[in-house]
Amino acid sequence: MNKKKLLLTASVCLLIFCWTELNLSYANESAEIRNVLELKRQGWEVLEKQSEIESRPGLKPYQSLKREVLVVKYQLRKGAEFLFCLVEYDSQLDTIREACDVSQEKVKKRLAQ
């Protein structure tokens, strides 16, 4: 009987450990997903916002046409922390891409990927 109780206790402990570890990994993943709307909901303040329309070469099969890309740059602050965000709306692809990071260079690299 003692072996059964020990095995049952070990199984329960293992299940609890796996369950809590799984929840921690999901929490870490969601923290990396940053967008301007979510940051504003978390108390970040928009210090600066600049919008411009860039004319870029078209993508196949429309490479002979120009495509318009609306680029919005944000600088946000929460306490002593600062973040930069870029939001791009591509008219040809009809997509919105967004990235935020601690420097403008890192944001540009993330969007270039």
C-alpha atoms as a PDB file:
ATOM      1  CA  MET A   1       0.000   0.000   0.000  1.00  0.00           C
ATOM      2  CA  ASN A   2       2.807   2.451   0.767  1.00  0.00           C
ATOM      3  CA  LYS A   3       4.222   2.098  -2.724  1.00  0.00           C
ATOM      4  CA  LYS A   4       0.832   2.956  -4.238  1.00  0.00           C
ATOM      5  CA  LYS A   5       0.488   6.067  -2.040  1.00  0.00           C
ATOM      6  CA  LEU A   6       4.024   7.151  -2.891  1.00  0.00           C
ATOM      7  CA  LEU A   7       3.393   6.641  -6.606  1.00  0.00           C
ATOM      8  CA  LEU A   8       0.087   8.523  -6.408  1.00  0.00           C
ATOM      9  CA  THR A   9       1.700  11.415  -4.502  1.00  0.00           C
ATOM     10  CA  ALA A  10       4.589  11.601  -6.968  1.00  0.00           C
ATOM     11  CA  SER A  11       2.144  11.602  -9.907  1.00  0.00           C
ATOM     12  CA  VAL A  12       0.070  14.407  -8.390  1.00  0.00           C
ATOM     13  CA  CYS A  13       3.211  16.469  -7.687  1.00  0.00           C
ATOM     14  CA  LEU A  14       4.416  15.925 -11.251  1.00  0.00           C
ATOM     15  CA  LEU A  15       1.043  16.988 -12.668  1.00  0.00           C
ATOM     16  CA  ILE A  16       1.017  20.143 -10.553  1.00  0.00           C
ATOM     17  CA  PHE A  17       4.589  20.961 -11.568  1.00  0.00           C
ATOM     18  CA  CYS A  18       3.830  20.483 -15.275  1.00  0.00           C
ATOM     19  CA  TRP A  19       0.634  22.526 -15.053  1.00  0.00           C
ATOM     20  CA  THR A  20       2.326  25.479 -13.318  1.00  0.00           C
ATOM     21  CA  GLU A  21       5.307  25.357 -15.693  1.00  0.00           C
ATOM     22  CA  LEU A  22       2.919  25.392 -18.666  1.00  0.00           C
ATOM     23  CA  ASN A  23       1.124  28.462 -17.300  1.00  0.00           C
ATOM     24  CA  LEU A  24       4.430  30.247 -16.726  1.00  0.00           C
ATOM     25  CA  SER A  25       5.568  29.629 -20.288  1.00  0.00           C
ATOM     26  CA  TYR A  26       2.287  31.022 -21.666  1.00  0.00           C
ATOM     27  CA  ALA A  27       2.680  34.097 -19.453  1.00  0.00           C
ATOM     28  CA  ASN A  28       6.169  34.712 -20.807  1.00  0.00           C
ATOM     29  CA  GLU A  29       5.043  34.378 -24.425  1.00  0.00           C
ATOM     30  CA  SER A  30       2.164  36.833 -24.056  1.00  0.00           C
ATOM     31  CA  ALA A  31       4.460  39.475 -22.548  1.00  0.00           C
ATOM     32  CA  GLU A  32       6.410  39.583 -25.810  1.00  0.00           C
ATOM     33  CA  ILE A  33       3.359  40.422 -27.867  1.00  0.00           C
ATOM     34  CA  ARG A  34       3.309  44.205 -27.777  1.00  0.00           C
ATOM     35  CA  ASN A  35       1.177  46.576 -29.739  1.00  0.00           C
ATOM     36  CA  VAL A  36       0.288  50.217 -29.228  1.00  0.00           C
ATOM     37  CA  LEU A  37      -3.309  49.589 -28.177  1.00  0.00           C
ATOM     38  CA  GLU A  38      -2.311  47.008 -25.575  1.00  0.00           C
ATOM     39  CA  LEU A  39       0.486  49.227 -24.258  1.00  0.00           C
ATOM     40  CA  LYS A  40      -1.932  52.158 -23.885  1.00  0.00           C
ATOM     41  CA  ARG A  41      -4.287  49.881 -21.947  1.00  0.00           C
ATOM     42  CA  GLN A  42      -1.370  49.022 -19.655  1.00  0.00           C
ATOM     43  CA  GLY A  43      -0.801  52.689 -18.837  1.00  0.00           C
ATOM     44  CA  TRP A  44       1.789  53.705 -21.445  1.00  0.00           C
ATOM     45  CA  GLU A  45       1.480  57.331 -22.572  1.00  0.00           C
ATOM     46  CA  VAL A  46       1.965  58.368 -26.198  1.00  0.00           C
ATOM     47  CA  LEU A  47       4.576  61.145 -26.187  1.00  0.00           C
ATOM     48  CA  GLU A  48       4.966  61.519 -29.934  1.00  0.00           C
ATOM     49  CA  LYS A  49       3.182  60.270 -33.036  1.00  0.00           C
ATOM     50  CA  GLN A  50       4.349  60.856 -36.619  1.00  0.00           C
ATOM     51  CA  SER A  51       2.571  59.653 -39.747  1.00  0.00           C
ATOM     52  CA  GLU A  52       3.891  59.505 -43.291  1.00  0.00           C
ATOM     53  CA  ILE A  53       3.026  57.727 -46.495  1.00  0.00           C
ATOM     54  CA  GLU A  54       5.901  55.953 -48.206  1.00  0.00           C
ATOM     55  CA  SER A  55       5.814  54.994 -51.849  1.00  0.00           C
ATOM     56  CA  ARG A  56       7.460  51.597 -52.320  1.00  0.00           C
ATOM     57  CA  PRO A  57       7.905  49.319 -55.334  1.00  0.00           C
ATOM     58  CA  GLY A  58       5.027  46.987 -56.017  1.00  0.00           C
ATOM     59  CA  LEU A  59       5.250  43.262 -55.337  1.00  0.00           C
ATOM     60  CA  LYS A  60       4.820  40.555 -57.982  1.00  0.00           C
ATOM     61  CA  PRO A  61       2.784  40.422 -60.142  1.00  0.00           C
ATOM     62  CA  TYR A  62       2.317  44.205 -59.763  1.00  0.00           C
ATOM     63  CA  GLN A  63       5.991  45.176 -59.575  1.00  0.00           C
ATOM     64  CA  SER A  64       5.498  47.903 -62.191  1.00  0.00           C
ATOM     65  CA  LEU A  65       3.067  49.729 -59.870  1.00  0.00           C
ATOM     66  CA  LYS A  66       3.923  51.708 -56.756  1.00  0.00           C
ATOM     67  CA  ARG A  67       2.334  50.695 -53.491  1.00  0.00           C
ATOM     68  CA  GLU A  68       1.485  53.098 -50.710  1.00  0.00           C
ATOM     69  CA  VAL A  69       2.529  52.220 -47.165  1.00  0.00           C
ATOM     70  CA  LEU A  70       1.246  54.292 -44.270  1.00  0.00           C
ATOM     71  CA  VAL A  71       3.932  54.380 -41.564  1.00  0.00           C
ATOM     72  CA  VAL A  72       3.051  55.614 -38.078  1.00  0.00           C
ATOM     73  CA  LYS A  73       5.861  56.079 -35.549  1.00  0.00           C
ATOM     74  CA  TYR A  74       5.096  56.214 -31.833  1.00  0.00           C
ATOM     75  CA  GLN A  75       7.201  57.084 -28.824  1.00  0.00           C
ATOM     76  CA  LEU A  76       5.671  55.887 -25.560  1.00  0.00           C
ATOM     77  CA  ARG A  77       6.560  56.361 -21.914  1.00  0.00           C
ATOM     78  CA  LYS A  78       5.593  54.659 -18.693  1.00  0.00           C
ATOM     79  CA  GLY A  79       7.443  56.024 -15.682  1.00  0.00           C
ATOM     80  CA  ALA A  80      11.138  56.066 -16.567  1.00  0.00           C
ATOM     81  CA  GLU A  81      10.768  53.538 -19.411  1.00  0.00           C
ATOM     82  CA  PHE A  82      10.509  54.478 -23.088  1.00  0.00           C
ATOM     83  CA  LEU A  83       9.386  52.410 -26.070  1.00  0.00           C
ATOM     84  CA  PHE A  84       9.295  53.045 -29.801  1.00  0.00           C
ATOM     85  CA  CYS A  85       6.624  51.486 -32.004  1.00  0.00           C
ATOM     86  CA  LEU A  86       6.141  51.330 -35.767  1.00  0.00           C
ATOM     87  CA  VAL A  87       2.826  50.516 -37.390  1.00  0.00           C
ATOM     88  CA  GLU A  88       2.739  49.940 -41.151  1.00  0.00           C
ATOM     89  CA  TYR A  89      -0.363  49.585 -43.304  1.00  0.00           C
ATOM     90  CA  ASP A  90       0.479  48.174 -46.750  1.00  0.00           C
ATOM     91  CA  SER A  91      -2.194  49.036 -49.328  1.00  0.00           C
ATOM     92  CA  GLN A  92      -1.197  46.325 -51.802  1.00  0.00           C
ATOM     93  CA  LEU A  93      -1.170  43.502 -49.284  1.00  0.00           C
ATOM     94  CA  ASP A  94      -3.935  45.032 -47.152  1.00  0.00           C
ATOM     95  CA  THR A  95      -1.978  44.156 -44.011  1.00  0.00           C
ATOM     96  CA  ILE A  96      -1.017  45.923 -40.806  1.00  0.00           C
ATOM     97  CA  ARG A  97       2.342  45.116 -39.239  1.00  0.00           C
ATOM     98  CA  GLU A  98       3.372  46.397 -35.854  1.00  0.00           C
ATOM     99  CA  ALA A  99       6.477  46.196 -33.697  1.00  0.00           C
ATOM    100  CA  CYS A 100       7.647  47.855 -30.477  1.00  0.00           C
ATOM    101  CA  ASP A 101      11.049  47.881 -28.805  1.00  0.00           C
ATOM    102  CA  VAL A 102      13.382  50.011 -26.696  1.00  0.00           C
ATOM    103  CA  SER A 103      15.086  51.654 -29.702  1.00  0.00           C
ATOM    104  CA  GLN A 104      14.027  52.744 -33.171  1.00  0.00           C
ATOM    105  CA  GLU A 105      16.744  50.607 -34.781  1.00  0.00           C
ATOM    106  CA  LYS A 106      15.495  47.442 -33.080  1.00  0.00           C
ATOM    107  CA  VAL A 107      11.932  48.188 -34.151  1.00  0.00           C
ATOM    108  CA  LYS A 108      13.010  48.609 -37.786  1.00  0.00           C
ATOM    109  CA  LYS A 109      14.939  45.336 -37.660  1.00  0.00           C
ATOM    110  CA  ARG A 110      11.915  43.503 -36.241  1.00  0.00           C
ATOM    111  CA  LEU A 111       9.653  44.805 -39.007  1.00  0.00           C
ATOM    112  CA  ALA A 112      12.224  43.964 -41.679  1.00  0.00           C
ATOM    113  CA  GLN A 113      12.075  40.276 -40.749  1.00  0.00           C
END
